[in-house]
N, C-alpha and C. Protein backbone atom coordinates (compact mmCIF):
# COMPACT_ATOMS: atom_id res chain seq x y z
N MET A 1 -15.59 28.65 -5.62
CA MET A 1 -15.17 27.35 -6.11
C MET A 1 -15.24 26.30 -5.00
N PHE A 2 -15.32 26.75 -3.74
CA PHE A 2 -15.41 25.84 -2.61
C PHE A 2 -16.77 25.98 -1.95
N ASN A 3 -17.28 24.85 -1.42
CA ASN A 3 -18.55 24.92 -0.68
C ASN A 3 -18.28 25.31 0.77
N GLU A 4 -19.34 25.33 1.57
CA GLU A 4 -19.22 25.76 2.97
C GLU A 4 -18.29 24.87 3.79
N GLN A 5 -18.16 23.60 3.40
CA GLN A 5 -17.29 22.66 4.12
C GLN A 5 -15.84 22.71 3.62
N GLY A 6 -15.57 23.61 2.68
CA GLY A 6 -14.22 23.73 2.16
C GLY A 6 -13.89 22.74 1.06
N LYS A 7 -14.87 22.02 0.57
CA LYS A 7 -14.67 21.04 -0.51
C LYS A 7 -14.79 21.73 -1.86
N ILE A 8 -14.01 21.27 -2.82
CA ILE A 8 -14.06 21.83 -4.17
C ILE A 8 -15.41 21.50 -4.80
N ILE A 9 -16.01 22.47 -5.44
CA ILE A 9 -17.23 22.24 -6.21
C ILE A 9 -16.78 21.79 -7.60
N ARG A 10 -16.75 20.47 -7.79
CA ARG A 10 -16.17 19.88 -8.98
C ARG A 10 -16.83 20.35 -10.27
N LYS A 11 -18.13 20.54 -10.23
CA LYS A 11 -18.84 20.98 -11.43
C LYS A 11 -18.38 22.38 -11.84
N GLU A 12 -18.17 23.24 -10.87
CA GLU A 12 -17.70 24.60 -11.14
C GLU A 12 -16.26 24.58 -11.66
N LEU A 13 -15.42 23.77 -11.06
CA LEU A 13 -14.04 23.64 -11.51
C LEU A 13 -14.01 23.13 -12.95
N ALA A 14 -14.82 22.13 -13.25
CA ALA A 14 -14.87 21.57 -14.61
C ALA A 14 -15.28 22.63 -15.62
N ARG A 15 -16.23 23.48 -15.25
CA ARG A 15 -16.69 24.53 -16.15
C ARG A 15 -15.54 25.48 -16.50
N ILE A 16 -14.64 25.69 -15.56
CA ILE A 16 -13.52 26.61 -15.77
C ILE A 16 -12.39 25.99 -16.60
N VAL A 17 -12.14 24.70 -16.42
CA VAL A 17 -10.95 24.09 -17.05
C VAL A 17 -11.23 23.26 -18.29
N PHE A 18 -12.46 22.78 -18.49
CA PHE A 18 -12.75 21.94 -19.65
C PHE A 18 -13.54 22.74 -20.67
N GLY A 19 -12.90 23.08 -21.73
CA GLY A 19 -13.52 23.83 -22.81
C GLY A 19 -12.50 24.03 -23.91
N GLU A 20 -12.92 24.64 -24.98
CA GLU A 20 -12.05 24.78 -26.15
C GLU A 20 -11.30 26.12 -26.20
N SER A 21 -11.70 27.08 -25.40
CA SER A 21 -11.07 28.40 -25.48
C SER A 21 -9.64 28.37 -24.93
N LYS A 22 -8.88 29.36 -25.32
CA LYS A 22 -7.51 29.49 -24.82
C LYS A 22 -7.52 29.65 -23.30
N GLN A 23 -8.49 30.38 -22.77
CA GLN A 23 -8.61 30.57 -21.32
C GLN A 23 -8.83 29.23 -20.61
N HIS A 24 -9.70 28.37 -21.17
CA HIS A 24 -9.92 27.04 -20.59
C HIS A 24 -8.61 26.26 -20.57
N GLN A 25 -7.90 26.27 -21.70
CA GLN A 25 -6.65 25.51 -21.80
C GLN A 25 -5.61 26.01 -20.80
N GLU A 26 -5.50 27.32 -20.66
CA GLU A 26 -4.55 27.89 -19.70
C GLU A 26 -4.95 27.55 -18.26
N SER A 27 -6.25 27.58 -17.99
CA SER A 27 -6.73 27.23 -16.65
C SER A 27 -6.43 25.77 -16.32
N LEU A 28 -6.64 24.89 -17.30
CA LEU A 28 -6.36 23.47 -17.08
C LEU A 28 -4.87 23.25 -16.85
N LYS A 29 -4.03 23.89 -17.65
CA LYS A 29 -2.58 23.75 -17.45
C LYS A 29 -2.16 24.25 -16.07
N SER A 30 -2.73 25.37 -15.65
CA SER A 30 -2.41 25.90 -14.31
C SER A 30 -2.83 24.93 -13.22
N LEU A 31 -4.02 24.37 -13.36
CA LEU A 31 -4.52 23.39 -12.38
C LEU A 31 -3.61 22.17 -12.35
N GLU A 32 -3.24 21.66 -13.52
CA GLU A 32 -2.39 20.47 -13.59
C GLU A 32 -1.01 20.73 -12.98
N LYS A 33 -0.48 21.94 -13.14
CA LYS A 33 0.82 22.27 -12.55
C LYS A 33 0.77 22.24 -11.03
N ILE A 34 -0.40 22.51 -10.48
CA ILE A 34 -0.58 22.48 -9.02
C ILE A 34 -0.86 21.05 -8.55
N VAL A 35 -1.79 20.40 -9.22
CA VAL A 35 -2.32 19.12 -8.74
C VAL A 35 -1.43 17.93 -9.08
N HIS A 36 -0.93 17.84 -10.31
CA HIS A 36 -0.20 16.65 -10.73
C HIS A 36 1.06 16.37 -9.90
N PRO A 37 1.90 17.36 -9.61
CA PRO A 37 3.07 17.06 -8.77
C PRO A 37 2.68 16.55 -7.38
N GLU A 38 1.63 17.10 -6.82
CA GLU A 38 1.19 16.66 -5.48
C GLU A 38 0.66 15.23 -5.54
N ILE A 39 -0.12 14.92 -6.57
CA ILE A 39 -0.62 13.55 -6.71
C ILE A 39 0.55 12.60 -6.92
N HIS A 40 1.51 12.98 -7.75
CA HIS A 40 2.69 12.14 -8.00
C HIS A 40 3.43 11.87 -6.69
N ARG A 41 3.62 12.91 -5.90
CA ARG A 41 4.31 12.76 -4.61
C ARG A 41 3.56 11.80 -3.69
N ARG A 42 2.24 11.96 -3.65
CA ARG A 42 1.43 11.10 -2.78
C ARG A 42 1.41 9.66 -3.29
N LEU A 43 1.38 9.48 -4.60
CA LEU A 43 1.46 8.12 -5.15
C LEU A 43 2.78 7.46 -4.75
N GLU A 44 3.87 8.19 -4.91
CA GLU A 44 5.17 7.66 -4.50
C GLU A 44 5.18 7.27 -3.03
N GLN A 45 4.62 8.12 -2.19
CA GLN A 45 4.56 7.83 -0.75
C GLN A 45 3.75 6.56 -0.48
N GLU A 46 2.60 6.45 -1.11
CA GLU A 46 1.73 5.29 -0.89
C GLU A 46 2.39 4.01 -1.38
N ILE A 47 3.05 4.08 -2.53
CA ILE A 47 3.74 2.91 -3.07
C ILE A 47 4.87 2.50 -2.13
N GLN A 48 5.66 3.46 -1.69
CA GLN A 48 6.76 3.17 -0.77
C GLN A 48 6.23 2.58 0.54
N ALA A 49 5.17 3.14 1.06
CA ALA A 49 4.59 2.63 2.31
C ALA A 49 4.10 1.19 2.13
N ALA A 50 3.47 0.91 1.00
CA ALA A 50 2.98 -0.45 0.75
C ALA A 50 4.15 -1.42 0.61
N ARG A 51 5.18 -1.02 -0.11
CA ARG A 51 6.35 -1.90 -0.28
C ARG A 51 7.06 -2.15 1.04
N SER A 52 7.10 -1.16 1.89
CA SER A 52 7.80 -1.32 3.17
C SER A 52 7.07 -2.28 4.10
N GLN A 53 5.78 -2.49 3.86
CA GLN A 53 5.02 -3.45 4.67
C GLN A 53 5.37 -4.88 4.30
N GLY A 54 5.90 -5.07 3.09
CA GLY A 54 6.43 -6.36 2.71
C GLY A 54 5.46 -7.43 2.25
N HIS A 55 4.18 -7.27 2.44
CA HIS A 55 3.25 -8.33 2.07
C HIS A 55 2.26 -7.89 0.98
N VAL A 56 2.59 -6.87 0.24
CA VAL A 56 1.71 -6.36 -0.80
C VAL A 56 2.13 -6.97 -2.14
N ASP A 57 1.22 -7.70 -2.78
CA ASP A 57 1.52 -8.33 -4.06
C ASP A 57 1.41 -7.36 -5.23
N ALA A 58 0.46 -6.44 -5.16
CA ALA A 58 0.24 -5.51 -6.28
C ALA A 58 -0.39 -4.23 -5.75
N ILE A 59 -0.12 -3.18 -6.46
CA ILE A 59 -0.72 -1.88 -6.17
C ILE A 59 -1.41 -1.42 -7.44
N LEU A 60 -2.68 -1.09 -7.35
CA LEU A 60 -3.43 -0.63 -8.51
C LEU A 60 -3.68 0.87 -8.38
N ILE A 61 -3.42 1.58 -9.46
CA ILE A 61 -3.68 3.02 -9.51
C ILE A 61 -4.75 3.24 -10.57
N ASP A 62 -5.87 3.78 -10.17
CA ASP A 62 -6.97 4.07 -11.09
C ASP A 62 -6.92 5.56 -11.41
N ALA A 63 -6.40 5.90 -12.59
CA ALA A 63 -6.25 7.31 -12.97
C ALA A 63 -6.43 7.46 -14.47
N ALA A 64 -7.45 8.19 -14.87
CA ALA A 64 -7.74 8.39 -16.29
C ALA A 64 -6.61 9.11 -17.02
N VAL A 65 -5.84 9.93 -16.31
CA VAL A 65 -4.79 10.73 -16.95
C VAL A 65 -3.39 10.25 -16.56
N ILE A 66 -3.24 8.97 -16.28
CA ILE A 66 -1.95 8.44 -15.83
C ILE A 66 -0.85 8.70 -16.86
N LEU A 67 -1.17 8.56 -18.14
CA LEU A 67 -0.18 8.78 -19.19
C LEU A 67 0.08 10.27 -19.40
N GLU A 68 -0.98 11.05 -19.43
CA GLU A 68 -0.84 12.49 -19.64
C GLU A 68 -0.02 13.14 -18.52
N ALA A 69 -0.18 12.64 -17.31
CA ALA A 69 0.50 13.22 -16.15
C ALA A 69 1.92 12.69 -15.97
N GLY A 70 2.28 11.65 -16.71
CA GLY A 70 3.62 11.08 -16.59
C GLY A 70 3.79 10.11 -15.44
N TRP A 71 2.70 9.64 -14.89
CA TRP A 71 2.78 8.74 -13.74
C TRP A 71 3.08 7.30 -14.13
N GLN A 72 3.12 7.00 -15.43
CA GLN A 72 3.40 5.63 -15.85
C GLN A 72 4.78 5.17 -15.40
N GLU A 73 5.67 6.11 -15.09
CA GLU A 73 6.99 5.75 -14.58
C GLU A 73 6.89 5.02 -13.24
N LEU A 74 5.77 5.18 -12.55
CA LEU A 74 5.55 4.51 -11.27
C LEU A 74 5.00 3.10 -11.45
N CYS A 75 4.70 2.74 -12.69
CA CYS A 75 3.96 1.50 -12.95
C CYS A 75 4.79 0.47 -13.71
N ASP A 76 4.56 -0.79 -13.38
CA ASP A 76 5.15 -1.88 -14.15
C ASP A 76 4.27 -2.24 -15.33
N HIS A 77 2.98 -2.00 -15.20
CA HIS A 77 2.00 -2.32 -16.24
C HIS A 77 0.95 -1.22 -16.31
N ILE A 78 0.44 -1.01 -17.52
CA ILE A 78 -0.66 -0.09 -17.74
C ILE A 78 -1.81 -0.89 -18.34
N VAL A 79 -2.97 -0.82 -17.71
CA VAL A 79 -4.15 -1.52 -18.21
C VAL A 79 -5.10 -0.47 -18.80
N PHE A 80 -5.48 -0.67 -20.04
CA PHE A 80 -6.46 0.21 -20.69
C PHE A 80 -7.82 -0.45 -20.59
N ILE A 81 -8.77 0.26 -20.01
CA ILE A 81 -10.14 -0.25 -19.89
C ILE A 81 -10.92 0.29 -21.08
N GLU A 82 -11.27 -0.60 -21.98
CA GLU A 82 -11.97 -0.21 -23.21
C GLU A 82 -13.47 -0.38 -23.05
N CYS A 83 -14.19 0.67 -23.40
CA CYS A 83 -15.64 0.66 -23.25
C CYS A 83 -16.23 1.55 -24.35
N PRO A 84 -17.27 1.10 -25.03
CA PRO A 84 -17.88 1.93 -26.07
C PRO A 84 -18.39 3.26 -25.51
N PHE A 85 -18.38 4.29 -26.36
CA PHE A 85 -18.78 5.62 -25.93
C PHE A 85 -20.16 5.62 -25.30
N GLU A 86 -21.11 4.95 -25.92
CA GLU A 86 -22.49 4.96 -25.40
C GLU A 86 -22.56 4.40 -23.98
N GLN A 87 -21.79 3.36 -23.71
CA GLN A 87 -21.78 2.81 -22.35
C GLN A 87 -21.09 3.74 -21.37
N ARG A 88 -19.98 4.35 -21.81
CA ARG A 88 -19.30 5.32 -20.93
C ARG A 88 -20.26 6.46 -20.60
N LEU A 89 -20.97 6.93 -21.63
CA LEU A 89 -21.92 8.03 -21.43
C LEU A 89 -23.02 7.62 -20.47
N GLN A 90 -23.57 6.43 -20.67
CA GLN A 90 -24.64 5.95 -19.79
C GLN A 90 -24.16 5.89 -18.33
N ARG A 91 -22.96 5.41 -18.12
CA ARG A 91 -22.42 5.28 -16.76
C ARG A 91 -22.16 6.63 -16.11
N VAL A 92 -21.54 7.56 -16.85
CA VAL A 92 -21.24 8.86 -16.22
C VAL A 92 -22.49 9.71 -16.07
N THR A 93 -23.48 9.48 -16.91
CA THR A 93 -24.76 10.18 -16.73
C THR A 93 -25.43 9.69 -15.46
N ARG A 94 -25.44 8.38 -15.28
CA ARG A 94 -26.06 7.78 -14.10
C ARG A 94 -25.27 8.08 -12.82
N ASN A 95 -23.96 7.94 -12.87
CA ASN A 95 -23.14 8.04 -11.65
C ASN A 95 -22.68 9.45 -11.31
N ARG A 96 -22.54 10.31 -12.32
CA ARG A 96 -21.99 11.65 -12.06
C ARG A 96 -22.88 12.78 -12.57
N GLY A 97 -23.93 12.43 -13.30
CA GLY A 97 -24.82 13.45 -13.82
C GLY A 97 -24.26 14.22 -15.01
N TRP A 98 -23.28 13.64 -15.72
CA TRP A 98 -22.68 14.32 -16.85
C TRP A 98 -23.56 14.21 -18.08
N SER A 99 -23.46 15.21 -18.94
CA SER A 99 -24.13 15.20 -20.25
C SER A 99 -23.16 14.65 -21.29
N THR A 100 -23.66 14.45 -22.51
CA THR A 100 -22.80 14.04 -23.62
C THR A 100 -21.70 15.07 -23.82
N ALA A 101 -22.08 16.35 -23.78
CA ALA A 101 -21.10 17.43 -23.99
C ALA A 101 -20.02 17.41 -22.91
N GLU A 102 -20.42 17.15 -21.66
CA GLU A 102 -19.45 17.12 -20.56
C GLU A 102 -18.45 15.99 -20.74
N LEU A 103 -18.93 14.80 -21.06
CA LEU A 103 -18.02 13.66 -21.28
C LEU A 103 -17.08 13.96 -22.44
N THR A 104 -17.62 14.47 -23.51
CA THR A 104 -16.81 14.78 -24.69
C THR A 104 -15.76 15.84 -24.37
N ARG A 105 -16.15 16.89 -23.66
CA ARG A 105 -15.20 17.94 -23.27
C ARG A 105 -14.04 17.36 -22.48
N ARG A 106 -14.36 16.53 -21.52
CA ARG A 106 -13.31 15.95 -20.67
C ARG A 106 -12.41 15.00 -21.45
N GLU A 107 -13.01 14.17 -22.28
CA GLU A 107 -12.20 13.22 -23.06
C GLU A 107 -11.33 13.95 -24.07
N ASN A 108 -11.78 15.08 -24.57
CA ASN A 108 -10.99 15.85 -25.53
C ASN A 108 -9.72 16.42 -24.90
N HIS A 109 -9.64 16.45 -23.59
CA HIS A 109 -8.45 16.96 -22.90
C HIS A 109 -7.52 15.84 -22.46
N GLN A 110 -7.80 14.64 -22.93
CA GLN A 110 -6.94 13.49 -22.64
C GLN A 110 -6.33 12.99 -23.94
N LEU A 111 -5.35 12.11 -23.82
CA LEU A 111 -4.81 11.45 -25.01
C LEU A 111 -5.95 10.74 -25.72
N PRO A 112 -5.87 10.64 -27.04
CA PRO A 112 -6.89 9.85 -27.75
C PRO A 112 -6.90 8.41 -27.22
N LEU A 113 -8.08 7.82 -27.18
CA LEU A 113 -8.21 6.46 -26.66
C LEU A 113 -7.33 5.49 -27.44
N SER A 114 -7.19 5.70 -28.75
CA SER A 114 -6.35 4.81 -29.56
C SER A 114 -4.89 4.86 -29.09
N GLU A 115 -4.43 6.03 -28.69
CA GLU A 115 -3.06 6.18 -28.19
C GLU A 115 -2.91 5.49 -26.83
N LYS A 116 -3.88 5.67 -25.96
CA LYS A 116 -3.85 5.00 -24.65
C LYS A 116 -3.82 3.49 -24.84
N ARG A 117 -4.64 3.01 -25.77
CA ARG A 117 -4.70 1.57 -26.05
C ARG A 117 -3.32 1.06 -26.48
N LYS A 118 -2.66 1.79 -27.37
CA LYS A 118 -1.34 1.39 -27.88
C LYS A 118 -0.30 1.35 -26.77
N LEU A 119 -0.38 2.26 -25.82
CA LEU A 119 0.62 2.36 -24.76
C LEU A 119 0.38 1.39 -23.60
N ALA A 120 -0.75 0.72 -23.62
CA ALA A 120 -1.11 -0.18 -22.53
C ALA A 120 -0.40 -1.52 -22.63
N THR A 121 -0.17 -2.12 -21.47
CA THR A 121 0.36 -3.48 -21.40
C THR A 121 -0.71 -4.48 -21.80
N THR A 122 -1.92 -4.22 -21.37
CA THR A 122 -3.05 -5.09 -21.70
C THR A 122 -4.32 -4.25 -21.81
N VAL A 123 -5.33 -4.85 -22.42
CA VAL A 123 -6.63 -4.19 -22.59
C VAL A 123 -7.69 -5.03 -21.91
N VAL A 124 -8.50 -4.39 -21.10
CA VAL A 124 -9.66 -5.04 -20.48
C VAL A 124 -10.90 -4.49 -21.18
N HIS A 125 -11.72 -5.40 -21.68
CA HIS A 125 -12.95 -5.00 -22.38
C HIS A 125 -14.07 -4.83 -21.36
N ASN A 126 -14.59 -3.63 -21.31
CA ASN A 126 -15.62 -3.30 -20.32
C ASN A 126 -16.93 -2.96 -21.03
N ASP A 127 -17.29 -3.81 -22.00
CA ASP A 127 -18.52 -3.56 -22.75
C ASP A 127 -19.67 -4.43 -22.25
N GLN A 128 -19.42 -5.14 -21.16
CA GLN A 128 -20.48 -5.94 -20.54
C GLN A 128 -20.72 -5.37 -19.15
N ASP A 129 -20.93 -6.24 -18.19
CA ASP A 129 -21.13 -5.73 -16.83
C ASP A 129 -19.78 -5.57 -16.14
N LEU A 130 -19.79 -4.88 -15.02
CA LEU A 130 -18.55 -4.61 -14.31
C LEU A 130 -17.90 -5.88 -13.78
N GLN A 131 -18.70 -6.90 -13.49
CA GLN A 131 -18.15 -8.17 -13.00
C GLN A 131 -17.27 -8.81 -14.08
N SER A 132 -17.69 -8.72 -15.33
CA SER A 132 -16.90 -9.27 -16.43
C SER A 132 -15.55 -8.56 -16.54
N ALA A 133 -15.56 -7.24 -16.46
CA ALA A 133 -14.31 -6.48 -16.49
C ALA A 133 -13.45 -6.84 -15.28
N GLY A 134 -14.07 -7.00 -14.13
CA GLY A 134 -13.34 -7.39 -12.92
C GLY A 134 -12.66 -8.74 -13.07
N ARG A 135 -13.36 -9.69 -13.70
CA ARG A 135 -12.76 -11.02 -13.92
C ARG A 135 -11.55 -10.92 -14.86
N GLN A 136 -11.67 -10.12 -15.92
CA GLN A 136 -10.55 -9.94 -16.84
C GLN A 136 -9.35 -9.32 -16.12
N LEU A 137 -9.61 -8.32 -15.32
CA LEU A 137 -8.54 -7.66 -14.58
C LEU A 137 -7.91 -8.63 -13.58
N SER A 138 -8.72 -9.42 -12.91
CA SER A 138 -8.20 -10.42 -11.96
C SER A 138 -7.31 -11.43 -12.66
N ARG A 139 -7.72 -11.89 -13.86
CA ARG A 139 -6.90 -12.84 -14.61
C ARG A 139 -5.55 -12.21 -14.98
N PHE A 140 -5.58 -10.94 -15.39
CA PHE A 140 -4.34 -10.26 -15.74
C PHE A 140 -3.43 -10.14 -14.51
N ILE A 141 -3.99 -9.77 -13.40
CA ILE A 141 -3.19 -9.64 -12.17
C ILE A 141 -2.60 -10.99 -11.78
N ASP A 142 -3.40 -12.05 -11.86
CA ASP A 142 -2.88 -13.39 -11.57
C ASP A 142 -1.73 -13.74 -12.50
N LEU A 143 -1.87 -13.39 -13.77
CA LEU A 143 -0.85 -13.69 -14.77
C LEU A 143 0.46 -12.97 -14.47
N ILE A 144 0.39 -11.70 -14.13
CA ILE A 144 1.64 -10.96 -13.89
C ILE A 144 2.26 -11.30 -12.54
N LEU A 145 1.44 -11.76 -11.61
CA LEU A 145 1.98 -12.14 -10.30
C LEU A 145 2.51 -13.57 -10.29
N GLN A 146 2.11 -14.38 -11.24
CA GLN A 146 2.49 -15.79 -11.27
C GLN A 146 4.01 -16.00 -11.22
N PRO A 147 4.80 -15.34 -12.08
CA PRO A 147 6.25 -15.55 -12.00
C PRO A 147 6.83 -15.17 -10.64
N GLU A 148 6.30 -14.10 -10.04
CA GLU A 148 6.78 -13.67 -8.73
C GLU A 148 6.45 -14.71 -7.67
N LYS A 149 5.26 -15.28 -7.74
CA LYS A 149 4.86 -16.30 -6.76
C LYS A 149 5.71 -17.55 -6.92
N GLU A 150 6.02 -17.93 -8.18
CA GLU A 150 6.85 -19.11 -8.41
C GLU A 150 8.27 -18.88 -7.88
N THR A 151 8.78 -17.67 -8.02
CA THR A 151 10.12 -17.33 -7.55
C THR A 151 10.19 -17.38 -6.03
N ASN A 152 9.11 -16.96 -5.37
CA ASN A 152 9.09 -16.92 -3.91
C ASN A 152 8.84 -18.28 -3.27
N ASN A 153 8.46 -19.29 -4.02
CA ASN A 153 8.19 -20.63 -3.45
C ASN A 153 9.43 -21.47 -3.39
């Protein structure tokens, strides 16, 4: 499962944990029991470190499973990035070499997108280029930081 440099072979790990069999599901649960608490601890550390510096306006956490892992307790806002399946597939095929089956397998192990959308504070539409999504996200960040900036003036 590890290469010569000691790095996880992600494709091999995915083959073991993403699937429909009971063994796949048990493997994923075992992995999450190991990984999620450590990620949660590290997120808490990073957030605390940033806050202690005193000049951080916002902290962004990019995590597809933020709701499934229970990390939303660390967040004031949840942003759902909405993108049509075909575009998501095109991007992960180009950037990660995933197939349709691989994307579907992974998404099937997450909350349904409709549920994530409902639980979000805001939705960013990512059906155009990444710059458009970036502008939407920037506007949202400006909006939520505005009251804080007015209070500090």
